[in-house]
């Protein structure tokens, strides 16, 4: 039962993040100095590294779930007493999905951008 609730919670969290992101956007005013603009380049690089890391973690979690799911199914099928039992094995499979939340990457980027002398202006859609 617990495995069936996890995908719904993940989906709800994802949809909430999408809805929230759809309501607010940001305007970025670059720093005036060359040093500030160079600093922003570092912020952008760090943001990309952060996003890539979050995506890799999500992919590893999903792969681990898929492996557990396959092992559980194989064990269930091997120990099923009859065809009806095997049918139940396929119906009880867990759903595997992992969402890479990059919100912290975005907020760190904004803080870095401001620290470099730029401005981040929230725009309501």
PDB file of N, CA and C in Angstrom:
ATOM      1  N   UNK A   1       0.824  -1.192   0.000  1.00  0.00           N
ATOM      2  CA  UNK A   1       0.000   0.000   0.000  1.00  0.00           C
ATOM      3  C   UNK A   1       0.869   1.257   0.000  1.00  0.00           C
ATOM      4  N   UNK A   2       1.949   1.248   0.764  1.00  0.00           N
ATOM      5  CA  UNK A   2       2.811   2.411   0.866  1.00  0.00           C
ATOM      6  C   UNK A   2       3.443   2.751  -0.482  1.00  0.00           C
ATOM      7  N   UNK A   3       3.839   1.731  -1.273  1.00  0.00           N
ATOM      8  CA  UNK A   3       4.440   1.979  -2.572  1.00  0.00           C
ATOM      9  C   UNK A   3       3.461   2.650  -3.527  1.00  0.00           C
ATOM     10  N   UNK A   4       2.187   2.389  -3.375  1.00  0.00           N
ATOM     11  CA  UNK A   4       1.191   2.976  -4.262  1.00  0.00           C
ATOM     12  C   UNK A   4       0.953   4.448  -3.924  1.00  0.00           C
ATOM     13  N   UNK A   5       1.197   4.869  -2.684  1.00  0.00           N
ATOM     14  CA  UNK A   5       0.982   6.259  -2.300  1.00  0.00           C
ATOM     15  C   UNK A   5       2.126   7.165  -2.727  1.00  0.00           C
ATOM     16  N   UNK A   6       3.325   6.626  -2.789  1.00  0.00           N
ATOM     17  CA  UNK A   6       4.499   7.429  -3.119  1.00  0.00           C
ATOM     18  C   UNK A   6       4.377   8.111  -4.483  1.00  0.00           C
ATOM     19  N   UNK A   7       3.973   7.407  -5.556  1.00  0.00           N
ATOM     20  CA  UNK A   7       3.893   8.099  -6.844  1.00  0.00           C
ATOM     21  C   UNK A   7       2.869   9.226  -6.841  1.00  0.00           C
ATOM     22  N   UNK A   8       1.784   9.047  -6.093  1.00  0.00           N
ATOM     23  CA  UNK A   8       0.770  10.093  -6.045  1.00  0.00           C
ATOM     24  C   UNK A   8       1.285  11.324  -5.309  1.00  0.00           C
ATOM     25  N   UNK A   9       2.041  11.104  -4.226  1.00  0.00           N
ATOM     26  CA  UNK A   9       2.618  12.224  -3.503  1.00  0.00           C
ATOM     27  C   UNK A   9       3.648  12.946  -4.371  1.00  0.00           C
ATOM     28  N   UNK A  10       4.472  12.170  -5.092  1.00  0.00           N
ATOM     29  CA  UNK A  10       5.462  12.772  -5.973  1.00  0.00           C
ATOM     30  C   UNK A  10       4.787  13.562  -7.080  1.00  0.00           C
ATOM     31  N   UNK A  11       3.731  12.998  -7.639  1.00  0.00           N
ATOM     32  CA  UNK A  11       2.998  13.676  -8.702  1.00  0.00           C
ATOM     33  C   UNK A  11       2.358  14.958  -8.186  1.00  0.00           C
ATOM     34  N   UNK A  12       1.775  14.903  -6.999  1.00  0.00           N
ATOM     35  CA  UNK A  12       1.153  16.097  -6.414  1.00  0.00           C
ATOM     36  C   UNK A  12       2.204  17.182  -6.173  1.00  0.00           C
ATOM     37  N   UNK A  13       3.356  16.789  -5.667  1.00  0.00           N
ATOM     38  CA  UNK A  13       4.433  17.753  -5.443  1.00  0.00           C
ATOM     39  C   UNK A  13       4.908  18.368  -6.745  1.00  0.00           C
ATOM     40  N   UNK A  14       5.028  17.548  -7.760  1.00  0.00           N
ATOM     41  CA  UNK A  14       5.447  18.035  -9.073  1.00  0.00           C
ATOM     42  C   UNK A  14       4.424  19.014  -9.638  1.00  0.00           C
ATOM     43  N   UNK A  15       3.137  18.648  -9.576  1.00  0.00           N
ATOM     44  CA  UNK A  15       2.092  19.521 -10.105  1.00  0.00           C
ATOM     45  C   UNK A  15       2.027  20.836  -9.342  1.00  0.00           C
ATOM     46  N   UNK A  16       2.221  20.766  -8.042  1.00  0.00           N
ATOM     47  CA  UNK A  16       2.226  21.980  -7.231  1.00  0.00           C
ATOM     48  C   UNK A  16       3.380  22.887  -7.656  1.00  0.00           C
ATOM     49  N   UNK A  17       4.540  22.300  -7.887  1.00  0.00           N
ATOM     50  CA  UNK A  17       5.697  23.085  -8.325  1.00  0.00           C
ATOM     51  C   UNK A  17       5.449  23.705  -9.699  1.00  0.00           C
ATOM     52  N   UNK A  18       4.818  22.952 -10.592  1.00  0.00           N
ATOM     53  CA  UNK A  18       4.511  23.470 -11.925  1.00  0.00           C
ATOM     54  C   UNK A  18       3.515  24.618 -11.828  1.00  0.00           C
ATOM     55  N   UNK A  19       2.482  24.444 -11.020  1.00  0.00           N
ATOM     56  CA  UNK A  19       1.483  25.502 -10.857  1.00  0.00           C
ATOM     57  C   UNK A  19       2.099  26.755 -10.248  1.00  0.00           C
ATOM     58  N   UNK A  20       2.940  26.575  -9.254  1.00  0.00           N
ATOM     59  CA  UNK A  20       3.578  27.721  -8.614  1.00  0.00           C
ATOM     60  C   UNK A  20       4.521  28.420  -9.584  1.00  0.00           C
ATOM     61  N   UNK A  21       5.240  27.641 -10.370  1.00  0.00           N
ATOM     62  CA  UNK A  21       6.169  28.222 -11.337  1.00  0.00           C
ATOM     63  C   UNK A  21       5.412  28.968 -12.433  1.00  0.00           C
ATOM     64  N   UNK A  22       4.203  28.530 -12.742  1.00  0.00           N
ATOM     65  CA  UNK A  22       3.413  29.169 -13.778  1.00  0.00           C
ATOM     66  C   UNK A  22       2.883  30.522 -13.353  1.00  0.00           C
ATOM     67  N   UNK A  23       2.863  30.824 -12.072  1.00  0.00           N
ATOM     68  CA  UNK A  23       2.300  32.074 -11.563  1.00  0.00           C
ATOM     69  C   UNK A  23       3.338  33.167 -11.419  1.00  0.00           C
ATOM     70  N   UNK A  24       4.586  32.825 -11.306  1.00  0.00           N
ATOM     71  CA  UNK A  24       5.631  33.803 -11.057  1.00  0.00           C
ATOM     72  C   UNK A  24       6.774  33.586 -12.032  1.00  0.00           C
ATOM     73  N   UNK A  25       7.263  34.673 -12.582  1.00  0.00           N
ATOM     74  CA  UNK A  25       8.472  34.597 -13.391  1.00  0.00           C
ATOM     75  C   UNK A  25       9.423  35.683 -12.886  1.00  0.00           C
ATOM     76  N   UNK A  26      10.614  35.671 -13.382  1.00  0.00           N
ATOM     77  CA  UNK A  26      11.625  36.596 -12.886  1.00  0.00           C
ATOM     78  C   UNK A  26      12.282  37.333 -14.044  1.00  0.00           C
ATOM     79  N   UNK A  27      12.563  38.591 -13.808  1.00  0.00           N
ATOM     80  CA  UNK A  27      13.311  39.403 -14.760  1.00  0.00           C
ATOM     81  C   UNK A  27      14.696  39.596 -14.150  1.00  0.00           C
ATOM     82  N   UNK A  28      15.706  39.313 -14.930  1.00  0.00           N
ATOM     83  CA  UNK A  28      17.081  39.428 -14.452  1.00  0.00           C
ATOM     84  C   UNK A  28      17.726  40.673 -15.069  1.00  0.00           C
ATOM     85  N   UNK A  29      18.142  41.598 -14.208  1.00  0.00           N
ATOM     86  CA  UNK A  29      18.844  42.803 -14.646  1.00  0.00           C
ATOM     87  C   UNK A  29      20.324  42.556 -14.376  1.00  0.00           C
ATOM     88  N   UNK A  30      21.137  42.483 -15.438  1.00  0.00           N
ATOM     89  CA  UNK A  30      22.550  42.124 -15.237  1.00  0.00           C
ATOM     90  C   UNK A  30      23.332  43.200 -14.484  1.00  0.00           C
ATOM     91  N   UNK A  31      24.420  42.790 -13.850  1.00  0.00           N
ATOM     92  CA  UNK A  31      25.281  43.756 -13.165  1.00  0.00           C
ATOM     93  C   UNK A  31      25.862  44.745 -14.185  1.00  0.00           C
ATOM     94  N   UNK A  32      26.209  45.920 -13.729  1.00  0.00           N
ATOM     95  CA  UNK A  32      26.747  46.945 -14.620  1.00  0.00           C
ATOM     96  C   UNK A  32      28.235  46.741 -14.925  1.00  0.00           C
ATOM     97  N   UNK A  33      28.956  46.168 -13.988  1.00  0.00           N
ATOM     98  CA  UNK A  33      30.411  46.030 -14.168  1.00  0.00           C
ATOM     99  C   UNK A  33      30.772  44.747 -14.919  1.00  0.00           C
ATOM    100  N   UNK A  34      31.948  44.776 -15.545  1.00  0.00           N
ATOM    101  CA  UNK A  34      32.464  43.582 -16.223  1.00  0.00           C
ATOM    102  C   UNK A  34      32.703  42.457 -15.217  1.00  0.00           C
ATOM    103  N   UNK A  35      33.223  42.804 -14.047  1.00  0.00           N
ATOM    104  CA  UNK A  35      33.475  41.800 -13.011  1.00  0.00           C
ATOM    105  C   UNK A  35      32.169  41.161 -12.556  1.00  0.00           C
ATOM    106  N   UNK A  36      31.122  41.966 -12.440  1.00  0.00           N
ATOM    107  CA  UNK A  36      29.811  41.450 -12.046  1.00  0.00           C
ATOM    108  C   UNK A  36      29.245  40.506 -13.092  1.00  0.00           C
ATOM    109  N   UNK A  37      29.408  40.867 -14.362  1.00  0.00           N
ATOM    110  CA  UNK A  37      28.919  39.987 -15.440  1.00  0.00           C
ATOM    111  C   UNK A  37      29.726  38.682 -15.490  1.00  0.00           C
ATOM    112  N   UNK A  38      31.006  38.772 -15.235  1.00  0.00           N
ATOM    113  CA  UNK A  38      31.833  37.559 -15.175  1.00  0.00           C
ATOM    114  C   UNK A  38      31.410  36.686 -13.998  1.00  0.00           C
ATOM    115  N   UNK A  39      31.086  37.323 -12.901  1.00  0.00           N
ATOM    116  CA  UNK A  39      30.600  36.611 -11.711  1.00  0.00           C
ATOM    117  C   UNK A  39      29.311  35.852 -12.036  1.00  0.00           C
ATOM    118  N   UNK A  40      28.404  36.482 -12.792  1.00  0.00           N
ATOM    119  CA  UNK A  40      27.141  35.842 -13.175  1.00  0.00           C
ATOM    120  C   UNK A  40      27.407  34.597 -14.022  1.00  0.00           C
ATOM    121  N   UNK A  41      28.455  34.637 -14.842  1.00  0.00           N
ATOM    122  CA  UNK A  41      28.818  33.463 -15.638  1.00  0.00           C
ATOM    123  C   UNK A  41      29.142  32.284 -14.724  1.00  0.00           C
ATOM    124  N   UNK A  42      29.822  32.565 -13.627  1.00  0.00           N
ATOM    125  CA  UNK A  42      30.120  31.518 -12.643  1.00  0.00           C
ATOM    126  C   UNK A  42      28.828  31.001 -12.008  1.00  0.00           C
ATOM    127  N   UNK A  43      27.897  31.919 -11.734  1.00  0.00           N
ATOM    128  CA  UNK A  43      26.599  31.515 -11.166  1.00  0.00           C
ATOM    129  C   UNK A  43      25.881  30.560 -12.131  1.00  0.00           C
ATOM    130  N   UNK A  44      25.908  30.890 -13.410  1.00  0.00           N
ATOM    131  CA  UNK A  44      25.236  30.060 -14.413  1.00  0.00           C
ATOM    132  C   UNK A  44      25.869  28.673 -14.489  1.00  0.00           C
ATOM    133  N   UNK A  45      27.190  28.630 -14.438  1.00  0.00           N
ATOM    134  CA  UNK A  45      27.893  27.343 -14.461  1.00  0.00           C
ATOM    135  C   UNK A  45      27.511  26.508 -13.236  1.00  0.00           C
ATOM    136  N   UNK A  46      27.504  27.153 -12.070  1.00  0.00           N
ATOM    137  CA  UNK A  46      27.147  26.440 -10.832  1.00  0.00           C
ATOM    138  C   UNK A  46      25.706  25.934 -10.878  1.00  0.00           C
ATOM    139  N   UNK A  47      24.797  26.722 -11.463  1.00  0.00           N
ATOM    140  CA  UNK A  47      23.398  26.303 -11.583  1.00  0.00           C
ATOM    141  C   UNK A  47      23.307  25.063 -12.462  1.00  0.00           C
ATOM    142  N   UNK A  48      24.029  25.055 -13.582  1.00  0.00           N
ATOM    143  CA  UNK A  48      23.994  23.898 -14.476  1.00  0.00           C
ATOM    144  C   UNK A  48      24.549  22.654 -13.792  1.00  0.00           C
ATOM    145  N   UNK A  49      25.609  22.823 -13.030  1.00  0.00           N
ATOM    146  CA  UNK A  49      26.190  21.699 -12.280  1.00  0.00           C
ATOM    147  C   UNK A  49      25.174  21.178 -11.272  1.00  0.00           C
ATOM    148  N   UNK A  50      24.495  22.078 -10.596  1.00  0.00           N
ATOM    149  CA  UNK A  50      23.473  21.704  -9.611  1.00  0.00           C
ATOM    150  C   UNK A  50      22.338  20.929 -10.274  1.00  0.00           C
ATOM    151  N   UNK A  51      21.828  21.432 -11.386  1.00  0.00           N
ATOM    152  CA  UNK A  51      20.725  20.772 -12.097  1.00  0.00           C
ATOM    153  C   UNK A  51      21.140  19.386 -12.566  1.00  0.00           C
ATOM    154  N   UNK A  52      22.324  19.289 -13.137  1.00  0.00           N
ATOM    155  CA  UNK A  52      22.824  17.993 -13.600  1.00  0.00           C
ATOM    156  C   UNK A  52      22.913  17.000 -12.444  1.00  0.00           C
ATOM    157  N   UNK A  53      23.399  17.464 -11.301  1.00  0.00           N
ATOM    158  CA  UNK A  53      23.496  16.601 -10.127  1.00  0.00           C
ATOM    159  C   UNK A  53      22.133  16.115  -9.661  1.00  0.00           C
ATOM    160  N   UNK A  54      21.156  17.025  -9.611  1.00  0.00           N
ATOM    161  CA  UNK A  54      19.797  16.646  -9.190  1.00  0.00           C
ATOM    162  C   UNK A  54      19.196  15.634 -10.170  1.00  0.00           C
ATOM    163  N   UNK A  55      19.424  15.841 -11.467  1.00  0.00           N
ATOM    164  CA  UNK A  55      18.898  14.913 -12.477  1.00  0.00           C
ATOM    165  C   UNK A  55      19.551  13.538 -12.352  1.00  0.00           C
ATOM    166  N   UNK A  56      20.853  13.520 -12.071  1.00  0.00           N
ATOM    167  CA  UNK A  56      21.554  12.244 -11.900  1.00  0.00           C
ATOM    168  C   UNK A  56      21.046  11.499 -10.675  1.00  0.00           C
ATOM    169  N   UNK A  57      20.831  12.199  -9.576  1.00  0.00           N
ATOM    170  CA  UNK A  57      20.304  11.564  -8.363  1.00  0.00           C
ATOM    171  C   UNK A  57      18.921  10.981  -8.643  1.00  0.00           C
ATOM    172  N   UNK A  58      18.067  11.735  -9.332  1.00  0.00           N
ATOM    173  CA  UNK A  58      16.725  11.240  -9.662  1.00  0.00           C
ATOM    174  C   UNK A  58      16.805  10.000 -10.545  1.00  0.00           C
ATOM    175  N   UNK A  59      17.715  10.003 -11.516  1.00  0.00           N
ATOM    176  CA  UNK A  59      17.867   8.848 -12.410  1.00  0.00           C
ATOM    177  C   UNK A  59      18.352   7.622 -11.643  1.00  0.00           C
ATOM    178  N   UNK A  60      19.275   7.810 -10.716  1.00  0.00           N
ATOM    179  CA  UNK A  60      19.784   6.688  -9.910  1.00  0.00           C
ATOM    180  C   UNK A  60      18.666   6.122  -9.037  1.00  0.00           C
ATOM    181  N   UNK A  61      17.863   7.011  -8.435  1.00  0.00           N
ATOM    182  CA  UNK A  61      16.747   6.551  -7.591  1.00  0.00           C
ATOM    183  C   UNK A  61      15.729   5.771  -8.418  1.00  0.00           C
ATOM    184  N   UNK A  62      15.437   6.260  -9.617  1.00  0.00           N
ATOM    185  CA  UNK A  62      14.467   5.563 -10.454  1.00  0.00           C
ATOM    186  C   UNK A  62      15.011   4.207 -10.898  1.00  0.00           C
ATOM    187  N   UNK A  63      16.288   4.150 -11.254  1.00  0.00           N
ATOM    188  CA  UNK A  63      16.897   2.882 -11.663  1.00  0.00           C
ATOM    189  C   UNK A  63      16.897   1.887 -10.503  1.00  0.00           C
ATOM    190  N   UNK A  64      17.198   2.346  -9.299  1.00  0.00           N
ATOM    191  CA  UNK A  64      17.179   1.465  -8.128  1.00  0.00           C
ATOM    192  C   UNK A  64      15.767   0.927  -7.896  1.00  0.00           C
ATOM    193  N   UNK A  65      14.782   1.780  -8.062  1.00  0.00           N
ATOM    194  CA  UNK A  65      13.385   1.353  -7.906  1.00  0.00           C
ATOM    195  C   UNK A  65      13.033   0.305  -8.958  1.00  0.00           C
ATOM    196  N   UNK A  66      13.432   0.544 -10.198  1.00  0.00           N
ATOM    197  CA  UNK A  66      13.148  -0.415 -11.271  1.00  0.00           C
ATOM    198  C   UNK A  66      13.806  -1.769 -10.993  1.00  0.00           C
ATOM    199  N   UNK A  67      15.017  -1.745 -10.464  1.00  0.00           N
ATOM    200  CA  UNK A  67      15.720  -2.988 -10.130  1.00  0.00           C
ATOM    201  C   UNK A  67      14.986  -3.730  -9.016  1.00  0.00           C
ATOM    202  N   UNK A  68      14.587  -3.001  -7.957  1.00  0.00           N
ATOM    203  CA  UNK A  68      13.828  -3.624  -6.866  1.00  0.00           C
ATOM    204  C   UNK A  68      12.510  -4.200  -7.388  1.00  0.00           C
ATOM    205  N   UNK A  69      11.857  -3.445  -8.251  1.00  0.00           N
ATOM    206  CA  UNK A  69      10.571  -3.877  -8.814  1.00  0.00           C
ATOM    207  C   UNK A  69      10.742  -5.163  -9.623  1.00  0.00           C
ATOM    208  N   UNK A  70      11.775  -5.219 -10.445  1.00  0.00           N
ATOM    209  CA  UNK A  70      12.031  -6.415 -11.257  1.00  0.00           C
ATOM    210  C   UNK A  70      12.357  -7.617 -10.367  1.00  0.00           C
ATOM    211  N   UNK A  71      13.165  -7.393  -9.325  1.00  0.00           N
ATOM    212  CA  UNK A  71      13.520  -8.485  -8.409  1.00  0.00           C
ATOM    213  C   UNK A  71      12.298  -8.987  -7.642  1.00  0.00           C
ATOM    214  N   UNK A  72      11.472  -8.056  -7.195  1.00  0.00           N
ATOM    215  CA  UNK A  72      10.250  -8.432  -6.473  1.00  0.00           C
ATOM    216  C   UNK A  72       9.318  -9.228  -7.374  1.00  0.00           C
ATOM    217  N   UNK A  73       9.170  -8.789  -8.611  1.00  0.00           N
ATOM    218  CA  UNK A  73       8.315  -9.496  -9.558  1.00  0.00           C
ATOM    219  C   UNK A  73       8.858 -10.895  -9.837  1.00  0.00           C
ATOM    220  N   UNK A  74      10.156 -11.010 -10.062  1.00  0.00           N
ATOM    221  CA  UNK A  74      10.761 -12.318 -10.344  1.00  0.00           C
ATOM    222  C   UNK A  74      10.566 -13.271  -9.169  1.00  0.00           C
ATOM    223  N   UNK A  75      10.759 -12.778  -7.957  1.00  0.00           N
ATOM    224  CA  UNK A  75      10.570 -13.611  -6.763  1.00  0.00           C
ATOM    225  C   UNK A  75       9.116 -14.041  -6.632  1.00  0.00           C
ATOM    226  N   UNK A  76       8.211 -13.118  -6.845  1.00  0.00           N
ATOM    227  CA  UNK A  76       6.784 -13.408  -6.742  1.00  0.00           C
ATOM    228  C   UNK A  76       6.371 -14.454  -7.781  1.00  0.00           C
ATOM    229  N   UNK A  77       6.828 -14.268  -9.010  1.00  0.00           N
ATOM    230  CA  UNK A  77       6.472 -15.219 -10.069  1.00  0.00           C
ATOM    231  C   UNK A  77       7.057 -16.601  -9.794  1.00  0.00           C
ATOM    232  N   UNK A  78       8.267 -16.629  -9.251  1.00  0.00           N
ATOM    233  CA  UNK A  78       8.929 -17.906  -8.970  1.00  0.00           C
ATOM    234  C   UNK A  78       8.240 -18.667  -7.840  1.00  0.00           C
ATOM    235  N   UNK A  79       7.618 -17.952  -6.922  1.00  0.00           N
ATOM    236  CA  UNK A  79       6.991 -18.612  -5.775  1.00  0.00           C
ATOM    237  C   UNK A  79       5.474 -18.724  -5.898  1.00  0.00           C
ATOM    238  N   UNK A  80       4.904 -18.201  -6.971  1.00  0.00           N
ATOM    239  CA  UNK A  80       3.446 -18.272  -7.151  1.00  0.00           C
ATOM    240  C   UNK A  80       3.021 -19.727  -7.339  1.00  0.00           C
ATOM    241  N   UNK A  81       1.948 -20.086  -6.679  1.00  0.00           N
ATOM    242  CA  UNK A  81       1.478 -21.474  -6.704  1.00  0.00           C
ATOM    243  C   UNK A  81       0.758 -21.823  -8.005  1.00  0.00           C
ATOM    244  N   UNK A  82       0.158 -20.834  -8.648  1.00  0.00           N
ATOM    245  CA  UNK A  82      -0.616 -21.120  -9.859  1.00  0.00           C
ATOM    246  C   UNK A  82      -0.689 -19.866 -10.739  1.00  0.00           C
ATOM    247  N   UNK A  83      -1.425 -19.975 -11.847  1.00  0.00           N
ATOM    248  CA  UNK A  83      -1.548 -18.851 -12.780  1.00  0.00           C
ATOM    249  C   UNK A  83      -2.230 -17.644 -12.149  1.00  0.00           C
ATOM    250  N   UNK A  84      -3.198 -17.912 -11.279  1.00  0.00           N
ATOM    251  CA  UNK A  84      -3.885 -16.798 -10.603  1.00  0.00           C
ATOM    252  C   UNK A  84      -2.900 -16.047  -9.704  1.00  0.00           C
ATOM    253  N   UNK A  85      -2.038 -16.765  -9.029  1.00  0.00           N
ATOM    254  CA  UNK A  85      -1.007 -16.144  -8.192  1.00  0.00           C
ATOM    255  C   UNK A  85      -0.044 -15.324  -9.026  1.00  0.00           C
ATOM    256  N   UNK A  86       0.327 -15.855 -10.202  1.00  0.00           N
ATOM    257  CA  UNK A  86       1.226 -15.114 -11.097  1.00  0.00           C
ATOM    258  C   UNK A  86       0.553 -13.841 -11.617  1.00  0.00           C
ATOM    259  N   UNK A  87      -0.728 -13.934 -11.866  1.00  0.00           N
ATOM    260  CA  UNK A  87      -1.478 -12.764 -12.324  1.00  0.00           C
ATOM    261  C   UNK A  87      -1.469 -11.682 -11.244  1.00  0.00           C
ATOM    262  N   UNK A  88      -1.601 -12.089  -9.983  1.00  0.00           N
ATOM    263  CA  UNK A  88      -1.564 -11.143  -8.872  1.00  0.00           C
ATOM    264  C   UNK A  88      -0.185 -10.475  -8.759  1.00  0.00           C
ATOM    265  N   UNK A  89       0.858 -11.233  -9.090  1.00  0.00           N
ATOM    266  CA  UNK A  89       2.215 -10.663  -9.043  1.00  0.00           C
ATOM    267  C   UNK A  89       2.333  -9.462  -9.973  1.00  0.00           C
ATOM    268  N   UNK A  90       1.813  -9.584 -11.170  1.00  0.00           N
ATOM    269  CA  UNK A  90       1.929  -8.491 -12.135  1.00  0.00           C
ATOM    270  C   UNK A  90       1.034  -7.317 -11.776  1.00  0.00           C
ATOM    271  N   UNK A  91      -0.068  -7.575 -11.072  1.00  0.00           N
ATOM    272  CA  UNK A  91      -0.971  -6.491 -10.673  1.00  0.00           C
ATOM    273  C   UNK A  91      -0.416  -5.681  -9.499  1.00  0.00           C
ATOM    274  N   UNK A  92       0.429  -6.295  -8.680  1.00  0.00           N
ATOM    275  CA  UNK A  92       0.929  -5.631  -7.463  1.00  0.00           C
ATOM    276  C   UNK A  92       2.245  -4.895  -7.667  1.00  0.00           C
ATOM    277  N   UNK A  93       2.674  -4.714  -8.875  1.00  0.00           N
ATOM    278  CA  UNK A  93       3.965  -4.069  -9.112  1.00  0.00           C
ATOM    279  C   UNK A  93       3.944  -2.604  -8.684  1.00  0.00           C
ATOM    280  N   UNK A  94       5.032  -2.185  -8.103  1.00  0.00           N
ATOM    281  CA  UNK A  94       5.177  -0.783  -7.691  1.00  0.00           C
ATOM    282  C   UNK A  94       5.414   0.084  -8.924  1.00  0.00           C
ATOM    283  N   UNK A  95       5.050   1.336  -8.817  1.00  0.00           N
ATOM    284  CA  UNK A  95       5.283   2.309  -9.878  1.00  0.00           C
ATOM    285  C   UNK A  95       6.569   3.054  -9.547  1.00  0.00           C
ATOM    286  N   UNK A  96       7.449   3.166 -10.518  1.00  0.00           N
ATOM    287  CA  UNK A  96       8.723   3.845 -10.290  1.00  0.00           C
ATOM    288  C   UNK A  96       8.788   5.147 -11.085  1.00  0.00           C
ATOM    289  N   UNK A  97       9.025   6.211 -10.380  1.00  0.00           N
ATOM    290  CA  UNK A  97       9.214   7.510 -11.020  1.00  0.00           C
ATOM    291  C   UNK A  97       9.965   8.396 -10.043  1.00  0.00           C
ATOM    292  N   UNK A  98      10.819   9.226 -10.587  1.00  0.00           N
ATOM    293  CA  UNK A  98      11.566  10.134  -9.729  1.00  0.00           C
ATOM    294  C   UNK A  98      11.650  11.488 -10.425  1.00  0.00           C
ATOM    295  N   UNK A  99      11.334  12.520  -9.693  1.00  0.00           N
ATOM    296  CA  UNK A  99      11.338  13.880 -10.218  1.00  0.00           C
ATOM    297  C   UNK A  99      12.551  14.616  -9.670  1.00  0.00           C
ATOM    298  N   UNK A 100      13.291  15.263 -10.569  1.00  0.00           N
ATOM    299  CA  UNK A 100      14.466  16.025 -10.161  1.00  0.00           C
ATOM    300  C   UNK A 100      14.034  17.445  -9.810  1.00  0.00           C
ATOM    301  N   UNK A 101      13.851  17.710  -8.530  1.00  0.00           N
ATOM    302  CA  UNK A 101      13.472  19.048  -8.083  1.00  0.00           C
ATOM    303  C   UNK A 101      14.704  19.950  -8.117  1.00  0.00           C
ATOM    304  N   UNK A 102      14.642  20.959  -8.958  1.00  0.00           N
ATOM    305  CA  UNK A 102      15.783  21.871  -9.108  1.00  0.00           C
ATOM    306  C   UNK A 102      15.517  23.235  -8.471  1.00  0.00           C
ATOM    307  N   UNK A 103      14.498  23.304  -7.626  1.00  0.00           N
ATOM    308  CA  UNK A 103      14.160  24.572  -6.976  1.00  0.00           C
ATOM    309  C   UNK A 103      15.347  25.155  -6.220  1.00  0.00           C
ATOM    310  N   UNK A 104      16.060  24.319  -5.502  1.00  0.00           N
ATOM    311  CA  UNK A 104      17.199  24.832  -4.728  1.00  0.00           C
ATOM    312  C   UNK A 104      18.292  25.365  -5.653  1.00  0.00           C
ATOM    313  N   UNK A 105      18.426  24.789  -6.843  1.00  0.00           N
ATOM    314  CA  UNK A 105      19.407  25.289  -7.818  1.00  0.00           C
ATOM    315  C   UNK A 105      19.011  26.690  -8.283  1.00  0.00           C
ATOM    316  N   UNK A 106      17.716  26.874  -8.528  1.00  0.00           N
ATOM    317  CA  UNK A 106      17.211  28.174  -8.974  1.00  0.00           C
ATOM    318  C   UNK A 106      17.388  29.241  -7.897  1.00  0.00           C
ATOM    319  N   UNK A 107      17.052  28.888  -6.661  1.00  0.00           N
ATOM    320  CA  UNK A 107      17.169  29.885  -5.588  1.00  0.00           C
ATOM    321  C   UNK A 107      18.633  30.218  -5.303  1.00  0.00           C
ATOM    322  N   UNK A 108      19.520  29.238  -5.400  1.00  0.00           N
ATOM    323  CA  UNK A 108      20.950  29.506  -5.203  1.00  0.00           C
ATOM    324  C   UNK A 108      21.474  30.397  -6.333  1.00  0.00           C
ATOM    325  N   UNK A 109      20.991  30.158  -7.545  1.00  0.00           N
ATOM    326  CA  UNK A 109      21.387  30.986  -8.686  1.00  0.00           C
ATOM    327  C   UNK A 109      20.953  32.436  -8.473  1.00  0.00           C
ATOM    328  N   UNK A 110      19.729  32.616  -8.032  1.00  0.00           N
ATOM    329  CA  UNK A 110      19.235  33.970  -7.804  1.00  0.00           C
ATOM    330  C   UNK A 110      20.058  34.688  -6.734  1.00  0.00           C
ATOM    331  N   UNK A 111      20.375  33.992  -5.665  1.00  0.00           N
ATOM    332  CA  UNK A 111      21.193  34.591  -4.597  1.00  0.00           C
ATOM    333  C   UNK A 111      22.578  34.961  -5.129  1.00  0.00           C
ATOM    334  N   UNK A 112      23.150  34.088  -5.925  1.00  0.00           N
ATOM    335  CA  UNK A 112      24.464  34.336  -6.516  1.00  0.00           C
ATOM    336  C   UNK A 112      24.400  35.540  -7.455  1.00  0.00           C
ATOM    337  N   UNK A 113      23.358  35.590  -8.273  1.00  0.00           N
ATOM    338  CA  UNK A 113      23.154  36.669  -9.238  1.00  0.00           C
ATOM    339  C   UNK A 113      23.106  38.021  -8.523  1.00  0.00           C
ATOM    340  N   UNK A 114      22.368  38.070  -7.441  1.00  0.00           N
ATOM    341  CA  UNK A 114      22.248  39.303  -6.649  1.00  0.00           C
ATOM    342  C   UNK A 114      23.585  39.656  -6.010  1.00  0.00           C
ATOM    343  N   UNK A 115      24.291  38.647  -5.505  1.00  0.00           N
ATOM    344  CA  UNK A 115      25.592  38.877  -4.877  1.00  0.00           C
ATOM    345  C   UNK A 115      26.603  39.433  -5.890  1.00  0.00           C
ATOM    346  N   UNK A 116      26.414  39.101  -7.161  1.00  0.00           N
ATOM    347  CA  UNK A 116      27.297  39.599  -8.218  1.00  0.00           C
ATOM    348  C   UNK A 116      26.966  41.039  -8.621  1.00  0.00           C
ATOM    349  N   UNK A 117      25.887  41.567  -8.084  1.00  0.00           N
ATOM    350  CA  UNK A 117      25.515  42.945  -8.393  1.00  0.00           C
ATOM    351  C   UNK A 117      24.317  43.061  -9.329  1.00  0.00           C
ATOM    352  N   UNK A 118      23.735  41.924  -9.715  1.00  0.00           N
ATOM    353  CA  UNK A 118      22.556  41.966 -10.553  1.00  0.00           C
ATOM    354  C   UNK A 118      21.294  42.101  -9.719  1.00  0.00           C
ATOM    355  N   UNK A 119      20.181  42.251 -10.411  1.00  0.00           N
ATOM    356  CA  UNK A 119      18.894  42.345  -9.729  1.00  0.00           C
ATOM    357  C   UNK A 119      17.985  41.239 -10.247  1.00  0.00           C
ATOM    358  N   UNK A 120      17.212  40.673  -9.343  1.00  0.00           N
ATOM    359  CA  UNK A 120      16.205  39.678  -9.702  1.00  0.00           C
ATOM    360  C   UNK A 120      14.856  40.272  -9.310  1.00  0.00           C
ATOM    361  N   UNK A 121      14.030  40.500 -10.323  1.00  0.00           N
ATOM    362  CA  UNK A 121      12.730  41.144 -10.085  1.00  0.00           C
ATOM    363  C   UNK A 121      11.629  40.122 -10.336  1.00  0.00           C
ATOM    364  N   UNK A 122      10.810  39.892  -9.326  1.00  0.00           N
ATOM    365  CA  UNK A 122       9.695  38.957  -9.436  1.00  0.00           C
ATOM    366  C   UNK A 122       8.572  39.617 -10.222  1.00  0.00           C
ATOM    367  N   UNK A 123       8.073  38.885 -11.234  1.00  0.00           N
ATOM    368  CA  UNK A 123       6.999  39.390 -12.075  1.00  0.00           C
ATOM    369  C   UNK A 123       5.804  38.451 -11.952  1.00  0.00           C
ATOM    370  N   UNK A 124       4.676  38.987 -11.516  1.00  0.00           N
ATOM    371  CA  UNK A 124       3.447  38.172 -11.405  1.00  0.00           C
ATOM    372  C   UNK A 124       2.832  38.000 -12.789  1.00  0.00           C
ATOM    373  N   UNK A 125       2.505  36.769 -13.124  1.00  0.00           N
ATOM    374  CA  UNK A 125       1.883  36.486 -14.432  1.00  0.00           C
ATOM    375  C   UNK A 125       0.379  36.568 -14.347  1.00  0.00           C
TER     376      UNK A 125
END
